[in-house]
Protein backbone atom coordinates (compact mmCIF):
# COMPACT_ATOMS: atom_id res chain seq x y z
CA MET A 1 8.23 18.98 0.74
CA THR A 2 5.77 20.91 -1.38
CA ALA A 3 2.29 21.72 -0.11
CA GLN A 4 0.79 19.33 -2.65
CA ARG A 5 3.04 16.43 -1.59
CA ARG A 6 2.26 17.12 2.05
CA ILE A 7 -1.49 16.97 1.37
CA VAL A 8 -1.10 13.77 -0.69
CA LEU A 9 0.82 12.15 2.17
CA GLU A 10 -1.58 13.45 4.85
CA THR A 11 -4.51 12.10 2.86
CA LEU A 12 -2.87 8.70 2.43
CA VAL A 13 -1.87 8.19 6.08
CA THR A 14 -5.45 8.83 7.23
CA ARG A 15 -6.73 5.98 5.05
CA ARG A 16 -6.49 2.28 5.82
CA ASP A 17 -8.03 1.01 2.56
CA HIS A 18 -4.83 1.04 0.47
CA PRO A 19 -6.24 3.37 -2.23
CA THR A 20 -5.25 3.53 -5.88
CA ALA A 21 -3.64 6.67 -7.28
CA GLU A 22 -7.00 7.65 -8.78
CA GLN A 23 -8.78 7.23 -5.45
CA LEU A 24 -6.12 9.36 -3.79
CA TYR A 25 -6.47 11.99 -6.49
CA GLN A 26 -10.22 12.18 -5.80
CA SER A 27 -9.62 12.59 -2.05
CA VAL A 28 -6.87 15.18 -2.51
CA ALA A 29 -9.02 17.14 -4.99
CA GLU A 30 -11.68 17.54 -2.29
CA ARG A 31 -9.12 19.38 -0.16
CA LEU A 32 -7.21 21.03 -3.00
CA PRO A 33 -9.59 21.49 -5.98
CA GLU A 34 -6.91 22.97 -8.27
CA VAL A 35 -4.61 19.93 -8.01
CA SER A 36 -4.03 17.94 -11.20
CA ARG A 37 -3.88 14.17 -11.57
CA ALA A 38 -0.31 14.50 -12.83
CA THR A 39 0.70 16.33 -9.65
CA VAL A 40 -0.80 13.62 -7.44
CA TYR A 41 0.78 10.82 -9.50
CA ARG A 42 4.20 12.52 -9.49
CA SER A 43 3.87 13.18 -5.76
CA LEU A 44 3.20 9.48 -5.15
CA ASP A 45 6.32 8.57 -7.13
CA THR A 46 8.44 11.05 -5.19
CA LEU A 47 7.03 10.00 -1.81
CA ASP A 48 7.75 6.39 -2.74
CA GLU A 49 11.35 7.23 -3.65
CA LEU A 50 11.72 8.99 -0.28
CA GLY A 51 10.38 5.93 1.55
CA LEU A 52 7.38 7.81 2.95
CA LEU A 53 4.83 5.35 1.56
CA ARG A 54 4.67 1.78 0.30
CA ARG A 55 3.39 0.49 -3.00
CA VAL A 56 1.18 -2.59 -2.72
CA GLU A 57 1.21 -4.51 -5.97
CA HIS A 58 -0.38 -7.80 -6.88
CA THR A 59 -1.28 -9.47 -10.15
CA GLY A 60 -4.53 -8.40 -11.76
CA SER A 61 -5.02 -5.17 -9.86
CA ALA A 62 -3.99 -1.53 -10.01
CA VAL A 63 -1.10 -0.45 -7.80
CA ARG A 64 -2.35 0.55 -4.37
CA PHE A 65 -0.63 2.75 -1.80
CA ASP A 66 -0.06 2.33 1.92
CA GLY A 67 0.84 5.14 4.30
CA ASN A 68 2.02 2.64 6.90
CA THR A 69 5.75 2.27 6.31
CA GLU A 70 6.36 0.08 9.38
CA PRO A 71 7.17 -3.56 8.53
CA HIS A 72 3.96 -5.54 8.08
CA HIS A 73 2.23 -8.00 5.76
CA HIS A 74 -0.99 -7.69 3.75
CA PHE A 75 -4.20 -9.69 3.44
CA LEU A 76 -5.97 -9.56 0.06
CA CYS A 77 -9.63 -10.53 -0.08
CA THR A 78 -10.20 -12.54 -3.25
CA GLN A 79 -13.93 -11.73 -3.09
CA CYS A 80 -14.05 -7.92 -2.81
CA GLY A 81 -10.41 -6.95 -3.46
CA ALA A 82 -9.92 -5.22 -0.11
CA ILE A 83 -6.38 -5.09 1.23
CA GLU A 84 -5.77 -5.08 4.97
CA ASP A 85 -2.59 -4.66 6.99
CA LEU A 86 -1.42 -7.72 8.92
CA ALA A 87 0.93 -7.40 11.87
CA LEU A 88 4.20 -9.28 11.49
CA GLU A 89 3.29 -11.58 14.37
CA SER A 90 0.06 -12.65 12.64
CA VAL A 91 2.13 -14.83 10.29
CA GLN A 92 3.86 -17.57 12.25
CA GLY A 93 7.27 -18.83 11.20
CA HIS A 94 8.22 -15.92 8.94
CA ASP A 95 11.32 -15.27 11.06
CA GLU A 96 12.76 -18.48 9.65
CA LEU A 97 12.32 -17.47 6.01
CA VAL A 98 15.60 -16.87 4.23
CA PHE A 99 16.28 -15.24 0.89
CA VAL A 100 18.98 -17.24 -0.84
CA ASN A 101 21.23 -14.76 -2.61
CA SER A 102 22.80 -16.92 -5.29
CA ASP A 103 22.99 -14.21 -7.98
CA ARG A 104 24.32 -11.34 -5.85
CA ARG A 105 20.89 -9.82 -5.46
CA VAL A 106 20.28 -7.56 -2.50
CA ALA A 107 16.91 -7.94 -0.80
CA ASP A 108 15.44 -4.82 0.78
CA GLU A 109 12.24 -6.40 1.99
CA LEU A 110 10.52 -9.75 2.31
CA ALA A 111 6.77 -9.19 2.08
CA ILE A 112 4.04 -11.76 2.52
CA LEU A 113 0.67 -11.40 0.81
CA VAL A 114 -2.03 -13.62 2.29
CA ARG A 115 -4.99 -14.27 -0.03
CA GLY A 116 -8.37 -15.32 1.27
CA THR A 117 -11.81 -14.07 2.25
CA CYS A 118 -12.11 -11.04 4.53
CA ALA A 119 -14.41 -11.07 7.56
CA ARG A 120 -17.01 -8.87 5.82
CA CYS A 121 -17.27 -11.17 2.79
CA ALA A 122 -17.25 -14.30 4.95
CA LYS A 123 -20.12 -12.88 6.99
CA ALA A 124 -22.06 -12.00 3.83
CA GLY A 125 -21.66 -15.62 2.93
């Protein structure tokens, strides 16, 4: 683990806002001013390959990153775009979901993305 990768990972795990690569670059550059965008982007790819972070992807938005690698779901606010972690038990009945493997596919993960309005946007009305 290079020093740059360690700082990228440390920066990510302290955040709960599921930042984009660019947002992570900005945060890492505050700690390590000489770091390049390419280094941060390559570090994210490597950390993803090692299973040390999760990519959060949904249609119409840039890829976001999550330092929480424990199994969980996500809530996407359709108003402000915020992404929040949801505990597995917050989605009822997911234990009964089954991936039907008719084409010899191998599922590594079954992730649920809940779309709606976050508490902050609901309060703002």
